[in-house]
Protein backbone atom coordinates (compact mmCIF):
# COMPACT_ATOMS: atom_id res chain seq x y z
CA MET A 1 -0.07 0.25 0.21
CA GLU A 2 3.02 2.63 0.85
CA GLN A 3 4.34 1.70 -2.50
CA GLU A 4 0.93 2.08 -4.71
CA LYS A 5 0.09 5.50 -2.68
CA HIS A 6 0.69 7.31 -5.65
CA ASN A 7 -1.48 5.79 -8.24
CA GLU A 8 -4.49 7.04 -8.74
CA GLN A 9 -5.77 3.02 -9.71
CA LEU A 10 -5.17 1.99 -6.16
CA ASP A 11 -6.32 -1.60 -5.12
CA PHE A 12 -4.38 -1.71 -2.25
CA THR A 13 -5.78 -0.70 0.17
CA PHE A 14 -7.33 -1.21 3.12
CA GLY A 15 -10.56 -1.47 2.32
CA SER A 16 -9.40 -4.65 -0.68
CA LEU A 17 -7.75 -5.71 2.55
CA THR A 18 -10.43 -5.88 4.82
CA ALA A 19 -12.55 -7.75 2.23
CA THR A 20 -9.92 -10.35 1.60
CA ILE A 21 -9.66 -11.17 4.95
CA PHE A 22 -13.69 -11.62 5.18
CA ASP A 23 -13.74 -13.92 1.95
CA LEU A 24 -11.12 -16.16 3.88
CA PHE A 25 -12.85 -16.54 7.08
CA GLY A 26 -16.22 -16.46 5.35
CA ALA A 27 -15.68 -17.94 2.17
CA GLY A 28 -12.86 -20.29 2.72
CA THR A 29 -13.03 -21.55 6.73
CA GLU A 30 -17.12 -21.74 6.97
CA THR A 31 -17.04 -24.06 3.96
CA THR A 32 -14.46 -26.04 4.95
CA SER A 33 -15.46 -26.46 8.57
CA THR A 34 -19.92 -27.11 6.97
CA THR A 35 -17.48 -29.70 3.90
CA LEU A 36 -16.13 -31.58 7.07
CA GLY A 37 -19.00 -31.52 9.23
CA TYR A 38 -21.45 -33.29 7.05
CA GLY A 39 -18.38 -35.15 5.84
CA LEU A 40 -18.21 -36.95 9.74
CA LEU A 41 -22.22 -37.50 9.46
CA LEU A 42 -21.98 -39.47 5.76
CA LEU A 43 -19.30 -41.51 7.23
CA LEU A 44 -21.19 -42.20 10.24
CA LYS A 45 -23.76 -43.01 8.09
CA HIS A 46 -21.54 -45.65 6.14
CA PRO A 47 -19.04 -47.33 8.43
CA GLU A 48 -17.81 -49.81 5.35
CA VAL A 49 -16.28 -46.37 3.49
CA ILE A 50 -14.58 -45.74 7.19
CA ALA A 51 -13.09 -49.01 7.77
CA LYS A 52 -11.78 -49.46 4.36
CA ALA A 53 -10.42 -45.77 4.94
CA GLN A 54 -8.55 -46.91 7.72
CA GLU A 55 -7.17 -49.82 6.63
CA GLU A 56 -5.42 -47.26 4.12
CA ILE A 57 -4.52 -44.88 6.57
CA ASP A 58 -2.77 -47.94 9.33
CA HIS A 59 -1.11 -49.15 5.89
CA GLU A 60 0.29 -45.83 4.59
CA LEU A 61 0.54 -43.82 7.80
CA GLY A 62 0.49 -46.35 10.73
CA ARG A 63 -0.75 -44.40 14.34
CA HIS A 64 1.83 -42.25 14.92
CA ARG A 65 3.07 -40.01 11.96
CA SER A 66 0.54 -36.70 11.28
CA PRO A 67 -0.22 -36.46 7.44
CA CYS A 68 0.67 -34.31 5.24
CA MET A 69 0.27 -32.96 1.65
CA GLU A 70 2.26 -35.63 -0.20
CA ASP A 71 0.37 -38.34 1.33
CA ARG A 72 -2.40 -37.34 -0.85
CA SER A 73 -1.17 -38.42 -4.27
CA HIS A 74 -0.61 -42.40 -2.57
CA MET A 75 -3.86 -42.83 -0.64
CA PRO A 76 -6.38 -42.58 -2.89
CA HIS A 77 -8.90 -43.95 -1.13
CA MET A 78 -8.81 -40.65 1.36
CA ASP A 79 -9.21 -38.67 -1.71
CA VAL A 80 -12.04 -40.43 -3.50
CA VAL A 81 -13.27 -40.46 -0.02
CA VAL A 82 -12.97 -36.67 0.38
CA HIS A 83 -14.35 -36.27 -3.51
CA ALA A 84 -17.49 -38.25 -2.49
CA ILE A 85 -18.04 -36.54 0.23
CA GLN A 86 -17.98 -33.53 -1.89
CA ARG A 87 -19.84 -34.16 -4.73
CA TYR A 88 -22.88 -35.55 -2.84
CA ILE A 89 -23.11 -32.40 -0.10
CA ASP A 90 -23.49 -30.08 -3.14
CA LEU A 91 -22.44 -27.42 -1.15
CA VAL A 92 -23.32 -24.20 -2.83
CA PRO A 93 -26.08 -25.93 -5.61
CA THR A 94 -26.26 -22.62 -7.77
CA SER A 95 -23.09 -21.11 -7.49
CA LEU A 96 -22.43 -17.78 -7.25
CA PRO A 97 -24.24 -15.63 -10.04
CA ARG A 98 -21.94 -14.62 -13.02
CA VAL A 99 -22.51 -11.64 -15.46
CA VAL A 100 -22.29 -11.96 -18.77
CA THR A 101 -19.71 -10.13 -20.57
CA CYS A 102 -20.88 -10.04 -23.85
CA ASP A 103 -23.35 -11.00 -25.90
CA ILE A 104 -23.67 -15.26 -26.41
CA LYS A 105 -25.40 -17.74 -28.19
CA PHE A 106 -25.72 -20.64 -26.67
CA ARG A 107 -28.70 -23.85 -27.63
CA ASN A 108 -30.60 -21.37 -30.35
CA TYR A 109 -30.54 -18.80 -27.11
CA LEU A 110 -29.09 -15.42 -26.67
CA ILE A 111 -27.55 -14.81 -23.58
CA PRO A 112 -27.04 -10.79 -23.60
CA LYS A 113 -24.13 -9.54 -22.19
CA GLY A 114 -24.57 -7.83 -18.52
CA THR A 115 -27.37 -10.73 -18.10
CA ASP A 116 -26.87 -12.51 -14.53
CA VAL A 117 -26.17 -16.18 -15.34
CA LEU A 118 -26.41 -19.44 -12.57
CA THR A 119 -24.66 -22.27 -13.20
CA LEU A 120 -26.70 -25.72 -11.63
CA LEU A 121 -24.41 -27.54 -10.47
CA THR A 122 -26.56 -29.53 -9.09
CA SER A 123 -27.54 -30.97 -11.96
CA VAL A 124 -24.46 -32.21 -13.09
CA LEU A 125 -23.10 -33.08 -9.64
CA HIS A 126 -25.79 -35.88 -9.35
CA ASP A 127 -26.51 -36.75 -13.28
CA ASP A 128 -26.73 -40.15 -12.99
CA LYS A 129 -24.99 -41.26 -15.92
CA GLU A 130 -21.89 -40.12 -14.82
CA PHE A 131 -22.42 -41.22 -11.06
CA PRO A 132 -24.89 -43.97 -10.97
CA ASN A 133 -27.06 -44.25 -7.74
CA SER A 134 -25.93 -40.16 -7.28
CA GLU A 135 -27.94 -40.21 -4.42
CA VAL A 136 -25.54 -42.10 -2.37
CA VAL A 137 -22.01 -42.04 -1.63
CA ASP A 138 -20.07 -43.72 -3.14
CA PRO A 139 -16.07 -43.43 -3.84
CA GLY A 140 -16.45 -46.02 -6.65
CA HIS A 141 -17.30 -43.20 -7.99
CA PHE A 142 -13.44 -41.74 -8.74
CA LEU A 143 -12.20 -44.84 -9.28
CA ASP A 144 -11.14 -46.73 -11.84
CA GLU A 145 -10.53 -50.46 -12.71
CA ARG A 146 -7.16 -51.10 -11.31
CA SER A 147 -8.52 -48.37 -7.56
CA ASN A 148 -6.63 -45.72 -8.82
CA PHE A 149 -7.83 -42.08 -8.18
CA LYS A 150 -10.34 -41.33 -11.40
CA ASN A 151 -11.35 -37.95 -11.95
CA SER A 152 -13.99 -36.45 -13.88
CA GLU A 153 -15.25 -33.17 -15.88
CA TYR A 154 -18.08 -33.55 -13.96
CA PHE A 155 -16.82 -32.80 -10.75
CA MET A 156 -18.27 -29.23 -10.28
CA ALA A 157 -18.21 -28.64 -6.27
CA LEU A 158 -16.28 -25.50 -6.17
CA SER A 159 -17.52 -24.17 -9.44
CA VAL A 160 -16.19 -23.80 -12.93
CA GLY A 161 -14.45 -22.26 -15.45
CA LYS A 162 -12.41 -19.10 -15.16
CA ARG A 163 -13.94 -18.10 -11.79
CA ILE A 164 -13.65 -21.24 -10.25
CA CYS A 165 -13.07 -20.63 -6.73
CA VAL A 166 -9.57 -19.54 -6.07
CA GLY A 167 -9.26 -22.07 -2.75
CA GLU A 168 -10.69 -25.07 -4.46
CA GLY A 169 -6.92 -26.87 -4.10
CA LEU A 170 -6.23 -25.54 -0.90
CA ALA A 171 -9.68 -27.01 0.52
CA ARG A 172 -9.17 -30.01 -0.92
CA ILE A 173 -5.90 -30.64 1.26
CA GLU A 174 -7.67 -28.96 3.90
CA LEU A 175 -10.27 -31.73 3.79
CA PHE A 176 -7.79 -34.56 3.21
CA LEU A 177 -5.62 -33.84 6.03
CA PHE A 178 -8.32 -33.03 8.48
CA LEU A 179 -10.63 -36.08 7.99
CA THR A 180 -7.07 -38.20 6.98
CA THR A 181 -6.01 -37.26 11.46
CA ILE A 182 -9.46 -37.79 12.34
CA LEU A 183 -9.76 -41.27 11.21
CA GLN A 184 -6.11 -42.40 11.89
CA LYS A 185 -6.94 -41.28 15.95
CA PHE A 186 -10.61 -41.48 16.29
CA ALA A 187 -13.05 -44.09 16.05
CA LEU A 188 -16.58 -42.85 14.85
CA LYS A 189 -19.36 -44.02 16.02
CA SER A 190 -22.90 -43.16 16.33
CA VAL A 191 -25.52 -42.52 19.21
CA VAL A 192 -27.95 -43.82 16.44
CA ASP A 193 -28.54 -46.82 14.50
CA PRO A 194 -26.61 -45.76 10.88
CA LYS A 195 -29.69 -47.09 8.48
CA ASP A 196 -31.79 -44.02 11.20
CA ILE A 197 -29.07 -41.38 10.00
CA ASP A 198 -30.69 -39.02 7.44
CA THR A 199 -28.42 -36.72 5.54
CA THR A 200 -31.15 -34.27 3.78
CA PRO A 201 -29.94 -31.13 3.96
CA VAL A 202 -32.53 -29.15 6.40
CA ALA A 203 -32.10 -25.74 3.82
CA SER A 204 -30.95 -25.84 0.39
CA GLY A 205 -30.20 -22.78 -0.96
CA LEU A 206 -27.67 -20.36 -1.62
CA VAL A 207 -26.11 -23.16 -0.01
CA SER A 208 -26.89 -26.39 1.62
CA MET A 209 -26.95 -26.65 5.68
CA LEU A 210 -26.17 -29.77 6.67
CA PRO A 211 -28.55 -31.71 10.21
CA SER A 212 -28.08 -31.31 13.40
CA TYR A 213 -26.59 -34.95 15.07
CA GLU A 214 -23.97 -35.90 17.71
CA LEU A 215 -21.56 -38.44 17.70
CA CYS A 216 -19.03 -40.38 19.79
CA PHE A 217 -14.61 -39.67 18.70
CA ASN A 218 -13.39 -42.61 20.65
CA PRO A 219 -9.49 -42.60 20.89
CA VAL A 220 -7.33 -45.83 19.68
């Protein structure tokens, strides 16, 4: 800000700094914590996913070494668990509004410059052709025939295009590290029968809100 203070088109201001910090906490921390909370609920619903993930953790990390970023490349099951959770919860179903910067023709429709548009991420994340039985959490959606990670162009949990979430890479790493550490150190136990767990969001507008629930963390 000191270097640019004589620039009439100054971008580095206290206002922009405040907005950036607000984005870090509002758009980053809240969405990651919500995804993590929803992910734990889904794992309670699917104990078989927990068992396979902990088997991989025991093999790759043991019980004492903390996970790091580099571990994700050789822990495909934990990686696909994160992807499966993000796909299923569909955290921001319509993404954020965007504005068309020029007239564009799309499927015989003219969208004039300046038109607000919404990307319906739900229609892609829950596409039954790409993700068979899309209404369940299935890590297999992101595994190939050799049980290696398989990316999908339909995976748009953090929007799509040039204005995709700038924190996408950070979010995936955070979720991988948090979930791996939790499953490494604790056995998760639901206070109700997993069959009775309802994973339906209590509200789904701009953001999908997870239902409240209780769980036990038993040290292992």
